[in-house]
C-alpha atoms as a PDB file:
ATOM      1  CA  MET A   1     -66.430 123.719  19.368  1.00  0.00           C
ATOM      2  CA  THR A   2     -69.077 122.198  17.070  1.00  0.00           C
ATOM      3  CA  VAL A   3     -68.320 121.105  13.535  1.00  0.00           C
ATOM      4  CA  GLN A   4     -70.537 123.903  12.212  1.00  0.00           C
ATOM      5  CA  ALA A   5     -68.766 126.558  14.322  1.00  0.00           C
ATOM      6  CA  ALA A   6     -65.369 125.252  13.232  1.00  0.00           C
ATOM      7  CA  GLY A   7     -66.477 125.445   9.612  1.00  0.00           C
ATOM      8  CA  VAL A   8     -67.635 129.039   9.995  1.00  0.00           C
ATOM      9  CA  ARG A   9     -64.368 130.023  11.668  1.00  0.00           C
ATOM     10  CA  GLU A  10     -62.357 128.344   8.913  1.00  0.00           C
ATOM     11  CA  GLN A  11     -64.402 130.219   6.312  1.00  0.00           C
ATOM     12  CA  TYR A  12     -63.755 133.532   8.062  1.00  0.00           C
ATOM     13  CA  VAL A  13     -60.014 132.862   8.162  1.00  0.00           C
ATOM     14  CA  SER A  14     -60.010 131.888   4.502  1.00  0.00           C
ATOM     15  CA  ASP A  15     -61.835 135.141   3.656  1.00  0.00           C
ATOM     16  CA  PHE A  16     -58.877 137.269   4.718  1.00  0.00           C
ATOM     17  CA  THR A  17     -56.436 134.806   3.196  1.00  0.00           C
ATOM     18  CA  ALA A  18     -58.206 135.252  -0.141  1.00  0.00           C
ATOM     19  CA  LEU A  19     -58.191 139.038   0.173  1.00  0.00           C
ATOM     20  CA  ASN A  20     -54.532 139.081   1.173  1.00  0.00           C
ATOM     21  CA  ARG A  21     -53.623 136.933  -1.822  1.00  0.00           C
ATOM     22  CA  MET A  22     -55.470 139.303  -4.161  1.00  0.00           C
ATOM     23  CA  VAL A  23     -53.717 142.331  -2.673  1.00  0.00           C
ATOM     24  CA  GLN A  24     -50.268 140.746  -2.866  1.00  0.00           C
ATOM     25  CA  GLU A  25     -50.827 140.010  -6.555  1.00  0.00           C
ATOM     26  CA  THR A  26     -51.599 143.673  -7.296  1.00  0.00           C
ATOM     27  CA  GLY A  27     -48.178 144.829  -6.090  1.00  0.00           C
ATOM     28  CA  LEU A  28     -49.726 147.453  -3.800  1.00  0.00           C
ATOM     29  CA  MET A  29     -47.484 146.380  -0.913  1.00  0.00           C
ATOM     30  CA  ARG A  30     -44.322 147.504  -2.721  1.00  0.00           C
ATOM     31  CA  ARG A  31     -42.448 150.437  -1.143  1.00  0.00           C
ATOM     32  CA  ARG A  32     -42.737 153.981  -2.477  1.00  0.00           C
ATOM     33  CA  TYR A  33     -39.313 155.438  -1.695  1.00  0.00           C
ATOM     34  CA  GLY A  34     -39.662 158.376  -4.072  1.00  0.00           C
ATOM     35  CA  TYR A  35     -42.988 159.415  -2.534  1.00  0.00           C
ATOM     36  CA  TYR A  36     -41.744 159.262   1.035  1.00  0.00           C
ATOM     37  CA  TRP A  37     -38.340 160.880   0.479  1.00  0.00           C
ATOM     38  CA  THR A  38     -40.060 163.712  -1.399  1.00  0.00           C
ATOM     39  CA  ARG A  39     -42.565 164.192   1.406  1.00  0.00           C
ATOM     40  CA  PHE A  40     -39.810 164.150   4.033  1.00  0.00           C
ATOM     41  CA  LEU A  41     -37.687 166.709   2.171  1.00  0.00           C
ATOM     42  CA  VAL A  42     -40.651 168.980   1.444  1.00  0.00           C
ATOM     43  CA  LEU A  43     -41.779 168.948   5.077  1.00  0.00           C
ATOM     44  CA  THR A  44     -38.226 169.608   6.245  1.00  0.00           C
ATOM     45  CA  ALA A  45     -37.971 172.578   3.868  1.00  0.00           C
ATOM     46  CA  LEU A  46     -41.356 173.969   4.945  1.00  0.00           C
ATOM     47  CA  LEU A  47     -40.448 173.662   8.625  1.00  0.00           C
ATOM     48  CA  ALA A  48     -37.139 175.441   7.970  1.00  0.00           C
ATOM     49  CA  LEU A  49     -38.953 178.246   6.127  1.00  0.00           C
ATOM     50  CA  THR A  50     -41.408 178.547   9.021  1.00  0.00           C
ATOM     51  CA  VAL A  51     -38.518 178.946  11.481  1.00  0.00           C
ATOM     52  CA  VAL A  52     -36.941 181.599   9.230  1.00  0.00           C
ATOM     53  CA  ALA A  53     -40.278 183.435   9.032  1.00  0.00           C
ATOM     54  CA  PHE A  54     -40.628 183.204  12.825  1.00  0.00           C
ATOM     55  CA  VAL A  55     -37.205 184.768  13.376  1.00  0.00           C
ATOM     56  CA  ARG A  56     -37.705 187.508  10.782  1.00  0.00           C
ATOM     57  CA  LEU A  57     -41.143 188.482  12.095  1.00  0.00           C
ATOM     58  CA  GLY A  58     -39.794 188.964  15.604  1.00  0.00           C
ATOM     59  CA  PRO A  59     -42.070 190.231  18.396  1.00  0.00           C
ATOM     60  CA  SER A  60     -45.225 190.688  16.318  1.00  0.00           C
ATOM     61  CA  TRP A  61     -48.760 189.391  16.803  1.00  0.00           C
ATOM     62  CA  TRP A  62     -48.520 188.113  13.229  1.00  0.00           C
ATOM     63  CA  GLN A  63     -46.613 185.269  14.862  1.00  0.00           C
ATOM     64  CA  LEU A  64     -50.005 183.720  15.626  1.00  0.00           C
ATOM     65  CA  VAL A  65     -50.305 183.048  11.896  1.00  0.00           C
ATOM     66  CA  THR A  66     -46.941 181.301  12.075  1.00  0.00           C
ATOM     67  CA  ALA A  67     -48.319 179.236  14.955  1.00  0.00           C
ATOM     68  CA  VAL A  68     -51.273 178.124  12.822  1.00  0.00           C
ATOM     69  CA  VAL A  69     -48.975 177.097   9.961  1.00  0.00           C
ATOM     70  CA  LEU A  70     -46.667 175.261  12.357  1.00  0.00           C
ATOM     71  CA  ALA A  71     -49.575 173.336  13.891  1.00  0.00           C
ATOM     72  CA  PHE A  72     -50.603 172.065  10.442  1.00  0.00           C
ATOM     73  CA  LEU A  73     -47.040 171.172   9.426  1.00  0.00           C
ATOM     74  CA  LEU A  74     -46.398 169.276  12.661  1.00  0.00           C
ATOM     75  CA  GLY A  75     -49.621 167.357  12.060  1.00  0.00           C
ATOM     76  CA  GLN A  76     -48.287 166.354   8.656  1.00  0.00           C
ATOM     77  CA  VAL A  77     -44.987 165.401  10.285  1.00  0.00           C
ATOM     78  CA  MET A  78     -46.833 163.081  12.682  1.00  0.00           C
ATOM     79  CA  PHE A  79     -48.648 161.404   9.782  1.00  0.00           C
ATOM     80  CA  LEU A  80     -45.248 160.682   8.265  1.00  0.00           C
ATOM     81  CA  GLY A  81     -44.028 159.321  11.605  1.00  0.00           C
ATOM     82  CA  HIS A  82     -47.167 157.173  11.768  1.00  0.00           C
ATOM     83  CA  ASP A  83     -46.323 155.693   8.358  1.00  0.00           C
ATOM     84  CA  ALA A  84     -42.762 154.902   9.446  1.00  0.00           C
ATOM     85  CA  ALA A  85     -43.985 153.276  12.668  1.00  0.00           C
ATOM     86  CA  HIS A  86     -46.188 150.974  10.569  1.00  0.00           C
ATOM     87  CA  ARG A  87     -43.197 149.945   8.406  1.00  0.00           C
ATOM     88  CA  GLN A  88     -44.705 151.625   5.358  1.00  0.00           C
ATOM     89  CA  ILE A  89     -41.585 153.505   4.268  1.00  0.00           C
ATOM     90  CA  PHE A  90     -38.667 151.050   4.299  1.00  0.00           C
ATOM     91  CA  GLU A  91     -38.320 147.283   4.052  1.00  0.00           C
ATOM     92  CA  SER A  92     -35.871 147.356   6.962  1.00  0.00           C
ATOM     93  CA  ARG A  93     -37.398 147.385  10.456  1.00  0.00           C
ATOM     94  CA  ARG A  94     -34.340 149.218  11.761  1.00  0.00           C
ATOM     95  CA  TRP A  95     -34.638 151.974   9.141  1.00  0.00           C
ATOM     96  CA  ASN A  96     -38.319 152.433   9.936  1.00  0.00           C
ATOM     97  CA  ASP A  97     -37.563 152.632  13.666  1.00  0.00           C
ATOM     98  CA  TRP A  98     -34.928 155.301  13.178  1.00  0.00           C
ATOM     99  CA  ALA A  99     -37.146 157.217  10.752  1.00  0.00           C
ATOM    100  CA  SER A 100     -39.870 157.231  13.428  1.00  0.00           C
ATOM    101  CA  LEU A 101     -37.432 158.431  16.080  1.00  0.00           C
ATOM    102  CA  VAL A 102     -36.172 161.292  13.919  1.00  0.00           C
ATOM    103  CA  ILE A 103     -39.614 162.330  12.667  1.00  0.00           C
ATOM    104  CA  ALA A 104     -41.636 161.939  15.873  1.00  0.00           C
ATOM    105  CA  ASN A 105     -39.075 162.715  18.585  1.00  0.00           C
ATOM    106  CA  LEU A 106     -36.710 165.159  16.903  1.00  0.00           C
ATOM    107  CA  TYR A 107     -39.072 166.938  14.507  1.00  0.00           C
ATOM    108  CA  ALA A 108     -42.307 166.901  16.543  1.00  0.00           C
ATOM    109  CA  GLY A 109     -41.085 166.461  20.136  1.00  0.00           C
ATOM    110  CA  MET A 110     -43.275 163.366  20.662  1.00  0.00           C
ATOM    111  CA  SER A 111     -42.227 159.991  22.067  1.00  0.00           C
ATOM    112  CA  TYR A 112     -42.220 157.275  19.433  1.00  0.00           C
ATOM    113  CA  GLY A 113     -41.910 154.563  22.090  1.00  0.00           C
ATOM    114  CA  TRP A 114     -45.011 155.736  23.969  1.00  0.00           C
ATOM    115  CA  TRP A 115     -47.092 156.126  20.827  1.00  0.00           C
ATOM    116  CA  GLN A 116     -45.971 152.802  19.320  1.00  0.00           C
ATOM    117  CA  SER A 117     -47.016 150.823  22.386  1.00  0.00           C
ATOM    118  CA  LYS A 118     -50.412 152.488  22.606  1.00  0.00           C
ATOM    119  CA  HIS A 119     -51.148 152.385  18.895  1.00  0.00           C
ATOM    120  CA  SER A 120     -50.117 148.738  18.505  1.00  0.00           C
ATOM    121  CA  ARG A 121     -52.648 147.705  21.159  1.00  0.00           C
ATOM    122  CA  HIS A 122     -55.317 149.714  19.358  1.00  0.00           C
ATOM    123  CA  HIS A 123     -54.597 148.030  16.013  1.00  0.00           C
ATOM    124  CA  ALA A 124     -54.616 144.569  17.578  1.00  0.00           C
ATOM    125  CA  LYS A 125     -58.099 144.947  19.057  1.00  0.00           C
ATOM    126  CA  PRO A 126     -59.850 148.127  17.855  1.00  0.00           C
ATOM    127  CA  ASN A 127     -62.889 149.124  19.916  1.00  0.00           C
ATOM    128  CA  GLN A 128     -62.612 146.110  22.231  1.00  0.00           C
ATOM    129  CA  ILE A 129     -63.469 147.017  25.796  1.00  0.00           C
ATOM    130  CA  GLY A 130     -60.548 146.497  28.130  1.00  0.00           C
ATOM    131  CA  ALA A 131     -58.070 146.023  25.270  1.00  0.00           C
ATOM    132  CA  ASP A 132     -58.157 149.158  23.109  1.00  0.00           C
ATOM    133  CA  PRO A 133     -56.524 152.054  25.010  1.00  0.00           C
ATOM    134  CA  ASP A 134     -58.283 154.555  22.738  1.00  0.00           C
ATOM    135  CA  ILE A 135     -61.638 153.806  24.409  1.00  0.00           C
ATOM    136  CA  GLY A 136     -60.405 153.641  27.988  1.00  0.00           C
ATOM    137  CA  THR A 137     -62.501 155.631  30.472  1.00  0.00           C
ATOM    138  CA  GLY A 138     -60.899 158.838  31.706  1.00  0.00           C
ATOM    139  CA  VAL A 139     -62.086 162.394  31.300  1.00  0.00           C
ATOM    140  CA  LEU A 140     -64.367 161.081  28.549  1.00  0.00           C
ATOM    141  CA  VAL A 141     -66.615 158.032  28.837  1.00  0.00           C
ATOM    142  CA  PHE A 142     -66.632 155.864  25.693  1.00  0.00           C
ATOM    143  CA  HIS A 143     -68.618 153.039  27.330  1.00  0.00           C
ATOM    144  CA  THR A 144     -70.052 152.359  30.774  1.00  0.00           C
ATOM    145  CA  GLU A 145     -68.868 148.801  31.443  1.00  0.00           C
ATOM    146  CA  ASP A 146     -66.003 149.778  33.734  1.00  0.00           C
ATOM    147  CA  LEU A 147     -67.844 152.503  35.648  1.00  0.00           C
ATOM    148  CA  THR A 148     -68.045 151.459  39.308  1.00  0.00           C
ATOM    149  CA  GLU A 149     -70.577 154.156  40.145  1.00  0.00           C
ATOM    150  CA  PRO A 150     -72.734 156.669  38.286  1.00  0.00           C
ATOM    151  CA  ARG A 151     -71.191 160.011  37.419  1.00  0.00           C
ATOM    152  CA  SER A 152     -72.943 162.746  39.357  1.00  0.00           C
ATOM    153  CA  GLY A 153     -72.340 166.366  40.209  1.00  0.00           C
ATOM    154  CA  LEU A 154     -69.851 168.160  37.983  1.00  0.00           C
ATOM    155  CA  LYS A 155     -68.697 164.860  36.438  1.00  0.00           C
ATOM    156  CA  GLY A 156     -72.277 163.953  35.636  1.00  0.00           C
ATOM    157  CA  TRP A 157     -72.980 167.369  34.110  1.00  0.00           C
ATOM    158  CA  PHE A 158     -69.841 167.066  32.000  1.00  0.00           C
ATOM    159  CA  ALA A 159     -70.566 163.483  30.914  1.00  0.00           C
ATOM    160  CA  GLN A 160     -74.048 164.370  29.682  1.00  0.00           C
ATOM    161  CA  ARG A 161     -72.535 167.051  27.438  1.00  0.00           C
ATOM    162  CA  GLN A 162     -69.236 165.368  26.581  1.00  0.00           C
ATOM    163  CA  GLY A 163     -70.120 165.104  22.898  1.00  0.00           C
ATOM    164  CA  TRP A 164     -70.492 168.862  22.570  1.00  0.00           C
ATOM    165  CA  LEU A 165     -67.371 169.429  24.679  1.00  0.00           C
ATOM    166  CA  PHE A 166     -65.272 166.871  22.798  1.00  0.00           C
ATOM    167  CA  PHE A 167     -63.814 169.177  20.164  1.00  0.00           C
ATOM    168  CA  PRO A 168     -63.090 172.071  22.552  1.00  0.00           C
ATOM    169  CA  LEU A 169     -61.294 169.545  24.787  1.00  0.00           C
ATOM    170  CA  LEU A 170     -59.070 168.571  21.870  1.00  0.00           C
ATOM    171  CA  LEU A 171     -57.383 171.958  22.244  1.00  0.00           C
ATOM    172  CA  LEU A 172     -55.639 170.360  25.239  1.00  0.00           C
ATOM    173  CA  GLU A 173     -54.767 167.144  23.400  1.00  0.00           C
ATOM    174  CA  GLY A 174     -51.462 168.441  22.035  1.00  0.00           C
ATOM    175  CA  LEU A 175     -50.237 169.171  25.550  1.00  0.00           C
ATOM    176  CA  ASN A 176     -51.520 165.801  26.732  1.00  0.00           C
ATOM    177  CA  LEU A 177     -49.652 163.950  23.957  1.00  0.00           C
ATOM    178  CA  HIS A 178     -46.366 165.622  24.838  1.00  0.00           C
ATOM    179  CA  ILE A 179     -46.780 165.066  28.578  1.00  0.00           C
ATOM    180  CA  SER A 180     -47.703 161.398  28.098  1.00  0.00           C
ATOM    181  CA  GLY A 181     -44.595 160.851  25.985  1.00  0.00           C
ATOM    182  CA  ILE A 182     -42.307 162.608  28.473  1.00  0.00           C
ATOM    183  CA  LYS A 183     -43.710 160.592  31.375  1.00  0.00           C
ATOM    184  CA  THR A 184     -43.030 157.397  29.433  1.00  0.00           C
ATOM    185  CA  ILE A 185     -39.437 158.047  28.408  1.00  0.00           C
ATOM    186  CA  PHE A 186     -38.492 159.372  31.843  1.00  0.00           C
ATOM    187  CA  GLY A 187     -40.494 156.662  33.639  1.00  0.00           C
ATOM    188  CA  ARG A 188     -39.503 153.210  34.816  1.00  0.00           C
ATOM    189  CA  GLY A 189     -41.274 151.174  32.147  1.00  0.00           C
ATOM    190  CA  PRO A 190     -39.393 149.538  29.260  1.00  0.00           C
ATOM    191  CA  VAL A 191     -38.569 151.914  26.391  1.00  0.00           C
ATOM    192  CA  LYS A 192     -36.487 150.786  23.446  1.00  0.00           C
ATOM    193  CA  ARG A 193     -33.650 153.244  22.731  1.00  0.00           C
ATOM    194  CA  ARG A 194     -34.559 155.330  25.784  1.00  0.00           C
ATOM    195  CA  PRO A 195     -31.341 157.472  25.679  1.00  0.00           C
ATOM    196  CA  VAL A 196     -32.014 158.388  22.040  1.00  0.00           C
ATOM    197  CA  GLU A 197     -35.636 159.289  22.775  1.00  0.00           C
ATOM    198  CA  ILE A 198     -34.648 161.430  25.755  1.00  0.00           C
ATOM    199  CA  ALA A 199     -31.910 163.195  23.771  1.00  0.00           C
ATOM    200  CA  PHE A 200     -34.132 163.913  20.763  1.00  0.00           C
ATOM    201  CA  VAL A 201     -37.168 165.088  22.761  1.00  0.00           C
ATOM    202  CA  THR A 202     -35.049 167.250  25.090  1.00  0.00           C
ATOM    203  CA  LEU A 203     -33.234 168.849  22.175  1.00  0.00           C
ATOM    204  CA  ARG A 204     -36.450 169.477  20.259  1.00  0.00           C
ATOM    205  CA  LEU A 205     -38.621 170.797  23.092  1.00  0.00           C
ATOM    206  CA  GLY A 206     -35.812 172.615  24.884  1.00  0.00           C
ATOM    207  CA  GLY A 207     -34.591 174.314  21.708  1.00  0.00           C
ATOM    208  CA  TYR A 208     -38.131 175.211  20.652  1.00  0.00           C
ATOM    209  CA  LEU A 209     -39.077 176.796  23.975  1.00  0.00           C
ATOM    210  CA  ALA A 210     -35.741 178.615  24.208  1.00  0.00           C
ATOM    211  CA  LEU A 211     -36.231 180.156  20.751  1.00  0.00           C
ATOM    212  CA  VAL A 212     -39.818 181.203  21.434  1.00  0.00           C
ATOM    213  CA  PHE A 213     -39.108 182.848  24.790  1.00  0.00           C
ATOM    214  CA  TRP A 214     -35.871 184.416  23.548  1.00  0.00           C
ATOM    215  CA  LEU A 215     -37.526 186.090  20.590  1.00  0.00           C
ATOM    216  CA  LEU A 216     -40.982 186.986  21.947  1.00  0.00           C
ATOM    217  CA  PRO A 217     -42.207 188.809  25.052  1.00  0.00           C
ATOM    218  CA  VAL A 218     -43.551 186.429  27.701  1.00  0.00           C
ATOM    219  CA  GLY A 219     -47.245 187.122  27.037  1.00  0.00           C
ATOM    220  CA  MET A 220     -46.844 186.811  23.280  1.00  0.00           C
ATOM    221  CA  ALA A 221     -44.747 183.655  23.710  1.00  0.00           C
ATOM    222  CA  PHE A 222     -47.469 181.968  25.744  1.00  0.00           C
ATOM    223  CA  ALA A 223     -50.081 183.055  23.196  1.00  0.00           C
ATOM    224  CA  PHE A 224     -47.955 181.602  20.385  1.00  0.00           C
ATOM    225  CA  LEU A 225     -47.491 178.303  22.224  1.00  0.00           C
ATOM    226  CA  GLY A 226     -51.191 178.169  23.141  1.00  0.00           C
ATOM    227  CA  VAL A 227     -52.304 178.610  19.529  1.00  0.00           C
ATOM    228  CA  GLN A 228     -49.727 176.202  18.115  1.00  0.00           C
ATOM    229  CA  MET A 229     -50.252 173.479  20.721  1.00  0.00           C
ATOM    230  CA  GLY A 230     -54.022 173.908  20.831  1.00  0.00           C
ATOM    231  CA  LEU A 231     -54.501 173.699  17.066  1.00  0.00           C
ATOM    232  CA  PHE A 232     -52.060 170.798  16.809  1.00  0.00           C
ATOM    233  CA  GLY A 233     -54.116 168.803  19.321  1.00  0.00           C
ATOM    234  CA  LEU A 234     -57.369 169.791  17.640  1.00  0.00           C
ATOM    235  CA  TYR A 235     -55.962 168.715  14.283  1.00  0.00           C
ATOM    236  CA  MET A 236     -54.801 165.339  15.570  1.00  0.00           C
ATOM    237  CA  GLY A 237     -58.112 164.659  17.306  1.00  0.00           C
ATOM    238  CA  ALA A 238     -60.174 165.816  14.330  1.00  0.00           C
ATOM    239  CA  VAL A 239     -58.345 163.300  12.134  1.00  0.00           C
ATOM    240  CA  PHE A 240     -58.252 160.299  14.474  1.00  0.00           C
ATOM    241  CA  ALA A 241     -61.723 160.602  16.083  1.00  0.00           C
ATOM    242  CA  PRO A 242     -63.821 159.825  12.951  1.00  0.00           C
ATOM    243  CA  ASN A 243     -62.041 156.512  12.405  1.00  0.00           C
ATOM    244  CA  HIS A 244     -63.592 154.446  15.213  1.00  0.00           C
ATOM    245  CA  LYS A 245     -65.652 156.570  17.619  1.00  0.00           C
ATOM    246  CA  GLY A 246     -69.314 155.613  17.355  1.00  0.00           C
ATOM    247  CA  MET A 247     -68.563 152.291  15.668  1.00  0.00           C
ATOM    248  CA  PRO A 248     -69.583 148.969  17.313  1.00  0.00           C
ATOM    249  CA  LEU A 249     -67.827 147.975  20.532  1.00  0.00           C
ATOM    250  CA  VAL A 250     -66.482 144.475  21.093  1.00  0.00           C
ATOM    251  CA  PRO A 251     -67.155 142.964  24.557  1.00  0.00           C
ATOM    252  CA  ARG A 252     -64.154 142.093  26.725  1.00  0.00           C
ATOM    253  CA  ASP A 253     -64.440 138.394  25.925  1.00  0.00           C
ATOM    254  CA  GLY A 254     -65.667 138.858  22.346  1.00  0.00           C
ATOM    255  CA  LYS A 255     -64.123 136.743  19.589  1.00  0.00           C
ATOM    256  CA  VAL A 256     -64.052 138.255  16.107  1.00  0.00           C
ATOM    257  CA  ASP A 257     -61.994 137.121  13.137  1.00  0.00           C
ATOM    258  CA  PHE A 258     -59.341 139.529  11.840  1.00  0.00           C
ATOM    259  CA  LEU A 259     -61.164 140.646   8.681  1.00  0.00           C
ATOM    260  CA  ARG A 260     -64.452 141.471  10.370  1.00  0.00           C
ATOM    261  CA  ARG A 261     -62.778 142.931  13.457  1.00  0.00           C
ATOM    262  CA  GLN A 262     -60.937 145.504  11.342  1.00  0.00           C
ATOM    263  CA  VAL A 263     -63.778 146.283   8.916  1.00  0.00           C
ATOM    264  CA  LEU A 264     -66.740 146.403  11.287  1.00  0.00           C
ATOM    265  CA  MET A 265     -65.008 148.623  13.857  1.00  0.00           C
ATOM    266  CA  SER A 266     -63.557 151.118  11.355  1.00  0.00           C
ATOM    267  CA  ARG A 267     -65.059 154.000   9.401  1.00  0.00           C
ATOM    268  CA  ASN A 268     -63.786 155.509   6.167  1.00  0.00           C
ATOM    269  CA  VAL A 269     -64.168 159.174   5.261  1.00  0.00           C
ATOM    270  CA  ARG A 270     -65.125 160.054   1.706  1.00  0.00           C
ATOM    271  CA  GLY A 271     -63.344 162.824  -0.151  1.00  0.00           C
ATOM    272  CA  GLY A 272     -60.779 163.686  -2.767  1.00  0.00           C
ATOM    273  CA  ARG A 273     -57.102 164.551  -2.718  1.00  0.00           C
ATOM    274  CA  LEU A 274     -57.579 167.392  -0.220  1.00  0.00           C
ATOM    275  CA  THR A 275     -59.177 164.968   2.243  1.00  0.00           C
ATOM    276  CA  ASP A 276     -56.256 162.585   1.695  1.00  0.00           C
ATOM    277  CA  LEU A 277     -53.836 165.414   2.481  1.00  0.00           C
ATOM    278  CA  PHE A 278     -55.771 166.725   5.487  1.00  0.00           C
ATOM    279  CA  MET A 279     -56.160 163.266   7.048  1.00  0.00           C
ATOM    280  CA  GLY A 280     -52.770 161.869   6.073  1.00  0.00           C
ATOM    281  CA  GLY A 281     -54.394 158.884   4.360  1.00  0.00           C
ATOM    282  CA  LEU A 282     -56.207 157.857   7.547  1.00  0.00           C
ATOM    283  CA  ASN A 283     -59.510 158.484   5.794  1.00  0.00           C
ATOM    284  CA  TYR A 284     -58.933 154.979   4.368  1.00  0.00           C
ATOM    285  CA  GLN A 285     -59.134 153.532   7.852  1.00  0.00           C
ATOM    286  CA  VAL A 286     -60.620 150.179   6.857  1.00  0.00           C
ATOM    287  CA  GLU A 287     -57.863 149.507   4.349  1.00  0.00           C
ATOM    288  CA  HIS A 288     -55.187 150.800   6.726  1.00  0.00           C
ATOM    289  CA  HIS A 289     -56.314 148.446   9.483  1.00  0.00           C
ATOM    290  CA  LEU A 290     -56.401 145.475   7.140  1.00  0.00           C
ATOM    291  CA  PHE A 291     -52.970 146.224   5.667  1.00  0.00           C
ATOM    292  CA  PRO A 292     -51.179 148.574   8.110  1.00  0.00           C
ATOM    293  CA  SER A 293     -47.807 148.264   6.358  1.00  0.00           C
ATOM    294  CA  MET A 294     -49.179 149.273   2.953  1.00  0.00           C
ATOM    295  CA  PRO A 295     -47.699 152.609   1.761  1.00  0.00           C
ATOM    296  CA  ARG A 296     -50.139 155.475   2.182  1.00  0.00           C
ATOM    297  CA  PRO A 297     -50.512 156.412  -1.525  1.00  0.00           C
ATOM    298  CA  HIS A 298     -51.691 152.873  -2.357  1.00  0.00           C
ATOM    299  CA  LEU A 299     -54.668 152.910   0.012  1.00  0.00           C
ATOM    300  CA  ARG A 300     -56.813 154.889  -2.447  1.00  0.00           C
ATOM    301  CA  LYS A 301     -56.164 152.219  -5.092  1.00  0.00           C
ATOM    302  CA  LEU A 302     -56.953 149.409  -2.652  1.00  0.00           C
ATOM    303  CA  GLN A 303     -60.292 150.807  -1.479  1.00  0.00           C
ATOM    304  CA  PRO A 304     -62.515 149.675  -4.409  1.00  0.00           C
ATOM    305  CA  MET A 305     -61.164 146.132  -4.099  1.00  0.00           C
ATOM    306  CA  VAL A 306     -61.845 145.919  -0.366  1.00  0.00           C
ATOM    307  CA  ARG A 307     -65.296 147.498  -0.688  1.00  0.00           C
ATOM    308  CA  GLN A 308     -66.314 144.996  -3.377  1.00  0.00           C
ATOM    309  CA  PHE A 309     -64.828 142.086  -1.423  1.00  0.00           C
ATOM    310  CA  CYS A 310     -66.873 143.049   1.645  1.00  0.00           C
ATOM    311  CA  ALA A 311     -70.048 143.506  -0.406  1.00  0.00           C
ATOM    312  CA  GLU A 312     -69.711 140.011  -1.882  1.00  0.00           C
ATOM    313  CA  ARG A 313     -69.523 138.559   1.640  1.00  0.00           C
ATOM    314  CA  GLU A 314     -72.191 140.869   3.076  1.00  0.00           C
ATOM    315  CA  ILE A 315     -69.778 142.489   5.508  1.00  0.00           C
ATOM    316  CA  PRO A 316     -70.970 146.037   6.353  1.00  0.00           C
ATOM    317  CA  TYR A 317     -68.471 148.599   5.035  1.00  0.00           C
ATOM    318  CA  THR A 318     -68.910 152.047   6.602  1.00  0.00           C
ATOM    319  CA  GLU A 319     -68.058 155.253   4.779  1.00  0.00           C
ATOM    320  CA  THR A 320     -69.245 158.807   5.479  1.00  0.00           C
ATOM    321  CA  THR A 321     -68.265 162.392   4.830  1.00  0.00           C
ATOM    322  CA  LEU A 322     -66.020 164.109   7.355  1.00  0.00           C
ATOM    323  CA  LEU A 323     -68.853 166.291   8.694  1.00  0.00           C
ATOM    324  CA  GLU A 324     -71.166 163.292   9.007  1.00  0.00           C
ATOM    325  CA  SER A 325     -68.506 161.445  10.979  1.00  0.00           C
ATOM    326  CA  TYR A 326     -68.171 164.363  13.398  1.00  0.00           C
ATOM    327  CA  GLY A 327     -71.933 164.321  13.954  1.00  0.00           C
ATOM    328  CA  ILE A 328     -71.815 160.583  14.681  1.00  0.00           C
ATOM    329  CA  VAL A 329     -68.994 161.078  17.191  1.00  0.00           C
ATOM    330  CA  VAL A 330     -70.809 163.886  19.036  1.00  0.00           C
ATOM    331  CA  ARG A 331     -74.112 161.966  19.228  1.00  0.00           C
ATOM    332  CA  HIS A 332     -72.390 158.782  20.377  1.00  0.00           C
ATOM    333  CA  LEU A 333     -70.470 160.533  23.159  1.00  0.00           C
ATOM    334  CA  ASN A 334     -73.583 162.359  24.352  1.00  0.00           C
ATOM    335  CA  LYS A 335     -75.552 159.099  24.435  1.00  0.00           C
ATOM    336  CA  VAL A 336     -72.857 157.275  26.400  1.00  0.00           C
ATOM    337  CA  GLY A 337     -72.457 160.285  28.685  1.00  0.00           C
ATOM    338  CA  LEU A 338     -76.179 160.224  29.417  1.00  0.00           C
ATOM    339  CA  ALA A 339     -75.936 156.554  30.357  1.00  0.00           C
ATOM    340  CA  ALA A 340     -72.964 157.345  32.616  1.00  0.00           C
ATOM    341  CA  ARG A 341     -75.319 159.075  35.043  1.00  0.00           C
ATOM    342  CA  ASP A 342     -76.519 155.544  35.807  1.00  0.00           C
ATOM    343  CA  PRO A 343     -74.778 152.750  33.901  1.00  0.00           C
ATOM    344  CA  PHE A 344     -77.773 150.472  34.489  1.00  0.00           C
ATOM    345  CA  ARG A 345     -80.299 152.765  32.829  1.00  0.00           C
ATOM    346  CA  CYS A 346     -81.099 152.862  29.152  1.00  0.00           C
ATOM    347  CA  PRO A 347     -80.172 156.267  27.681  1.00  0.00           C
ATOM    348  CA  LEU A 348     -82.968 156.006  25.099  1.00  0.00           C
ATOM    349  CA  ALA A 349     -85.572 155.456  27.821  1.00  0.00           C
ATOM    350  CA  GLU A 350     -84.183 158.458  29.690  1.00  0.00           C
ATOM    351  CA  GLN A 351     -84.590 160.646  26.615  1.00  0.00           C
ATOM    352  CA  LEU A 352     -88.224 159.546  26.124  1.00  0.00           C
ATOM    353  CA  ARG A 353     -89.310 160.341  29.672  1.00  0.00           C
END
């Protein structure tokens, strides 16, 4: 490494050190026990009221409204579980772990162990090819570097339109999240507190399905589950997709300092308190990635400081509206999908032919 390169790297490291020192001095890292206990109790009460409403309504098609409400509430529950997994709620690691297990596994029927492993890898190297599981090639193509052959036939047709199909596909994401978690906790891989996860998920999903099919006719029960699970997946995808999709990708062997890695690969979503509620604070994605253990309600206060800090160092800071972010995601996926027909062709040249 040259002296000049070493100097630049040292400057980059000192940049985040300076920002971290400023943030620590503001007191924004302090815990907000009142905020989180209130949110937990309110969500618990709302879920209990939803169950009471479900039972009292009985076999009625109005239950589809209950399914919509439940999908939103479970989304809010997962945001709370996300905060606990990032150690935002308690000082104690053990308390945060158990809060995540109760909230994610018992309340939402999701595996905390599966999600924690996947999400930790994403935070470590967001948008880095081969390292970030959120951009791994599967049904959707987020990049073409690991494609061994062009996508043709039905796969090719789908890939070229994957941007437009992205949001409809999210209706299946809720089912996918549950299945992925179940496969993990019942699989052979390492899972911390596996017996607890299995007990909580089995109790939650088994009790939920038993109640639904006991109270509703089979057709209505499947309709209820379809609406609830479909909207839950759509909600989760609609919140998480704007944060990184369509932002720069880091090559497999790319080296980026922590500050720029988190800022350049993340996108904030502008809005007021309703946006904060809808997105569970994840609209402050840049700040969340820089300080993942900062309590959610402090991210709004941190944003002006981070934005100014980046401007002073000429680090691009991306912020859009929610609708603009969706447009970016759709266009990006369509462009990559077009390239997937032949990974060695330029999608722009294809469009200009």
